[in-house]
């Protein structure tokens, strides 16, 4: 059990607000490019997210999300993804974003 808890504690999961969202034209699978503000400590990070089933880019701006922020950067086509936005994946592959139930400060750690 301690080992499992230790692994979870290594994940840096934070709240952030989407500042920009646009269609990722060069992605192999339909996706959006997101720019997310994680507050003063972490700052701005970019992410590629396959969340097109339920969301339009203009609706994502201003939305708070939960993301894993301590992954190594990953190049996807001509874009560097710096964090992983978390969501629940339906059987058909569509994703529903995880969000705080109330508006909270950007950068809060998820425990």
C-alpha atoms as a PDB file:
ATOM      1  CA  UNK A   1       0.000   0.000   0.000  1.00  0.00           C
ATOM      2  CA  UNK A   2       2.784   2.453   0.881  1.00  0.00           C
ATOM      3  CA  UNK A   3       4.347   1.934  -2.526  1.00  0.00           C
ATOM      4  CA  UNK A   4       1.073   2.785  -4.289  1.00  0.00           C
ATOM      5  CA  UNK A   5       0.630   5.936  -2.206  1.00  0.00           C
ATOM      6  CA  UNK A   6       4.230   6.916  -2.932  1.00  0.00           C
ATOM      7  CA  UNK A   7       3.579   6.635  -6.682  1.00  0.00           C
ATOM      8  CA  UNK A   8       0.449   8.783  -6.420  1.00  0.00           C
ATOM      9  CA  UNK A   9       2.341  11.432  -4.441  1.00  0.00           C
ATOM     10  CA  UNK A  10       4.827  11.720  -7.323  1.00  0.00           C
ATOM     11  CA  UNK A  11       2.050  12.996  -9.604  1.00  0.00           C
ATOM     12  CA  UNK A  12       1.710  16.778  -9.644  1.00  0.00           C
ATOM     13  CA  UNK A  13      -1.953  17.342 -10.472  1.00  0.00           C
ATOM     14  CA  UNK A  14      -3.127  20.962 -10.467  1.00  0.00           C
ATOM     15  CA  UNK A  15      -6.022  23.247 -11.318  1.00  0.00           C
ATOM     16  CA  UNK A  16      -5.698  25.621 -14.235  1.00  0.00           C
ATOM     17  CA  UNK A  17      -7.743  27.918 -16.463  1.00  0.00           C
ATOM     18  CA  UNK A  18      -7.761  27.565 -20.240  1.00  0.00           C
ATOM     19  CA  UNK A  19      -6.668  30.885 -21.779  1.00  0.00           C
ATOM     20  CA  UNK A  20      -6.575  29.847 -25.447  1.00  0.00           C
ATOM     21  CA  UNK A  21      -7.995  26.945 -27.439  1.00  0.00           C
ATOM     22  CA  UNK A  22      -7.709  26.260 -31.153  1.00  0.00           C
ATOM     23  CA  UNK A  23      -8.084  23.359 -33.549  1.00  0.00           C
ATOM     24  CA  UNK A  24      -4.840  21.400 -33.876  1.00  0.00           C
ATOM     25  CA  UNK A  25      -4.674  21.220 -37.660  1.00  0.00           C
ATOM     26  CA  UNK A  26      -1.584  18.976 -37.852  1.00  0.00           C
ATOM     27  CA  UNK A  27      -2.633  16.365 -35.294  1.00  0.00           C
ATOM     28  CA  UNK A  28      -3.215  12.838 -36.636  1.00  0.00           C
ATOM     29  CA  UNK A  29      -6.320  12.460 -34.464  1.00  0.00           C
ATOM     30  CA  UNK A  30      -8.728  15.401 -34.040  1.00  0.00           C
ATOM     31  CA  UNK A  31      -7.539  17.545 -31.137  1.00  0.00           C
ATOM     32  CA  UNK A  32      -7.243  21.055 -29.750  1.00  0.00           C
ATOM     33  CA  UNK A  33      -4.177  23.019 -28.736  1.00  0.00           C
ATOM     34  CA  UNK A  34      -4.726  24.513 -25.282  1.00  0.00           C
ATOM     35  CA  UNK A  35      -2.856  27.234 -23.392  1.00  0.00           C
ATOM     36  CA  UNK A  36      -3.513  26.842 -19.669  1.00  0.00           C
ATOM     37  CA  UNK A  37      -2.690  29.174 -16.761  1.00  0.00           C
ATOM     38  CA  UNK A  38      -1.597  27.243 -13.653  1.00  0.00           C
ATOM     39  CA  UNK A  39      -0.892  30.309 -11.505  1.00  0.00           C
ATOM     40  CA  UNK A  40       2.285  31.988 -10.313  1.00  0.00           C
ATOM     41  CA  UNK A  41       4.219  28.899  -9.174  1.00  0.00           C
ATOM     42  CA  UNK A  42       3.837  26.882 -12.396  1.00  0.00           C
ATOM     43  CA  UNK A  43       2.849  29.501 -14.954  1.00  0.00           C
ATOM     44  CA  UNK A  44       1.500  28.857 -18.449  1.00  0.00           C
ATOM     45  CA  UNK A  45       1.657  25.402 -20.041  1.00  0.00           C
ATOM     46  CA  UNK A  46       0.450  24.072 -23.378  1.00  0.00           C
ATOM     47  CA  UNK A  47      -1.421  20.847 -24.025  1.00  0.00           C
ATOM     48  CA  UNK A  48      -2.781  18.867 -26.944  1.00  0.00           C
ATOM     49  CA  UNK A  49      -6.163  17.417 -26.020  1.00  0.00           C
ATOM     50  CA  UNK A  50      -8.451  15.051 -27.919  1.00  0.00           C
ATOM     51  CA  UNK A  51     -11.632  16.552 -26.474  1.00  0.00           C
ATOM     52  CA  UNK A  52     -13.515  17.496 -29.631  1.00  0.00           C
ATOM     53  CA  UNK A  53     -16.692  15.463 -29.020  1.00  0.00           C
ATOM     54  CA  UNK A  54     -18.221  17.691 -26.345  1.00  0.00           C
ATOM     55  CA  UNK A  55     -16.287  20.964 -26.607  1.00  0.00           C
ATOM     56  CA  UNK A  56     -15.765  23.817 -29.075  1.00  0.00           C
ATOM     57  CA  UNK A  57     -12.625  25.969 -28.773  1.00  0.00           C
ATOM     58  CA  UNK A  58     -14.568  29.137 -27.909  1.00  0.00           C
ATOM     59  CA  UNK A  59     -16.398  27.308 -25.090  1.00  0.00           C
ATOM     60  CA  UNK A  60     -13.152  26.095 -23.518  1.00  0.00           C
ATOM     61  CA  UNK A  61     -11.675  29.563 -22.934  1.00  0.00           C
ATOM     62  CA  UNK A  62     -12.159  30.472 -19.277  1.00  0.00           C
ATOM     63  CA  UNK A  63     -12.932  26.884 -18.242  1.00  0.00           C
ATOM     64  CA  UNK A  64     -11.085  25.501 -15.240  1.00  0.00           C
ATOM     65  CA  UNK A  65      -9.573  22.037 -15.681  1.00  0.00           C
ATOM     66  CA  UNK A  66      -7.450  19.557 -13.796  1.00  0.00           C
ATOM     67  CA  UNK A  67      -4.148  18.484 -15.334  1.00  0.00           C
ATOM     68  CA  UNK A  68      -1.002  16.511 -14.656  1.00  0.00           C
ATOM     69  CA  UNK A  69       1.782  19.104 -14.889  1.00  0.00           C
ATOM     70  CA  UNK A  70       5.021  17.215 -14.158  1.00  0.00           C
ATOM     71  CA  UNK A  71       5.282  15.106 -17.291  1.00  0.00           C
ATOM     72  CA  UNK A  72       8.212  15.577 -19.676  1.00  0.00           C
ATOM     73  CA  UNK A  73       7.309  17.699 -22.715  1.00  0.00           C
ATOM     74  CA  UNK A  74       6.035  15.655 -25.669  1.00  0.00           C
ATOM     75  CA  UNK A  75       6.230  16.719 -29.296  1.00  0.00           C
ATOM     76  CA  UNK A  76       3.045  16.126 -31.260  1.00  0.00           C
ATOM     77  CA  UNK A  77       3.510  17.165 -34.890  1.00  0.00           C
ATOM     78  CA  UNK A  78       4.784  20.779 -34.713  1.00  0.00           C
ATOM     79  CA  UNK A  79       3.549  21.358 -31.128  1.00  0.00           C
ATOM     80  CA  UNK A  80       5.106  20.706 -27.711  1.00  0.00           C
ATOM     81  CA  UNK A  81       2.570  19.418 -25.173  1.00  0.00           C
ATOM     82  CA  UNK A  82       3.697  20.227 -21.612  1.00  0.00           C
ATOM     83  CA  UNK A  83       0.873  18.823 -19.487  1.00  0.00           C
ATOM     84  CA  UNK A  84      -1.939  16.277 -19.622  1.00  0.00           C
ATOM     85  CA  UNK A  85      -5.495  17.556 -19.166  1.00  0.00           C
ATOM     86  CA  UNK A  86      -7.499  14.910 -17.301  1.00  0.00           C
ATOM     87  CA  UNK A  87     -10.892  13.590 -18.267  1.00  0.00           C
ATOM     88  CA  UNK A  88     -13.202  10.614 -18.086  1.00  0.00           C
ATOM     89  CA  UNK A  89     -13.098   8.520 -21.268  1.00  0.00           C
ATOM     90  CA  UNK A  90     -16.382   7.078 -22.515  1.00  0.00           C
ATOM     91  CA  UNK A  91     -16.598   3.710 -24.308  1.00  0.00           C
ATOM     92  CA  UNK A  92     -16.701   5.543 -27.675  1.00  0.00           C
ATOM     93  CA  UNK A  93     -13.451   7.388 -26.868  1.00  0.00           C
ATOM     94  CA  UNK A  94     -15.097  10.744 -26.184  1.00  0.00           C
ATOM     95  CA  UNK A  95     -13.683  12.628 -23.199  1.00  0.00           C
ATOM     96  CA  UNK A  96     -15.463  14.608 -20.481  1.00  0.00           C
ATOM     97  CA  UNK A  97     -13.044  16.977 -18.759  1.00  0.00           C
ATOM     98  CA  UNK A  98     -12.475  16.796 -15.016  1.00  0.00           C
ATOM     99  CA  UNK A  99     -13.199  20.169 -13.407  1.00  0.00           C
ATOM    100  CA  UNK A 100     -13.338  21.624  -9.903  1.00  0.00           C
ATOM    101  CA  UNK A 101     -16.915  21.777  -8.655  1.00  0.00           C
ATOM    102  CA  UNK A 102     -16.400  25.436  -7.744  1.00  0.00           C
ATOM    103  CA  UNK A 103     -14.040  28.088  -9.102  1.00  0.00           C
ATOM    104  CA  UNK A 104     -10.704  27.822  -7.310  1.00  0.00           C
ATOM    105  CA  UNK A 105      -7.275  29.453  -7.603  1.00  0.00           C
ATOM    106  CA  UNK A 106      -5.108  28.340 -10.509  1.00  0.00           C
ATOM    107  CA  UNK A 107      -2.293  26.036  -9.457  1.00  0.00           C
ATOM    108  CA  UNK A 108      -3.992  24.358  -6.495  1.00  0.00           C
ATOM    109  CA  UNK A 109      -2.626  20.865  -5.922  1.00  0.00           C
ATOM    110  CA  UNK A 110      -5.042  17.955  -6.223  1.00  0.00           C
ATOM    111  CA  UNK A 111      -4.662  15.518  -3.326  1.00  0.00           C
END
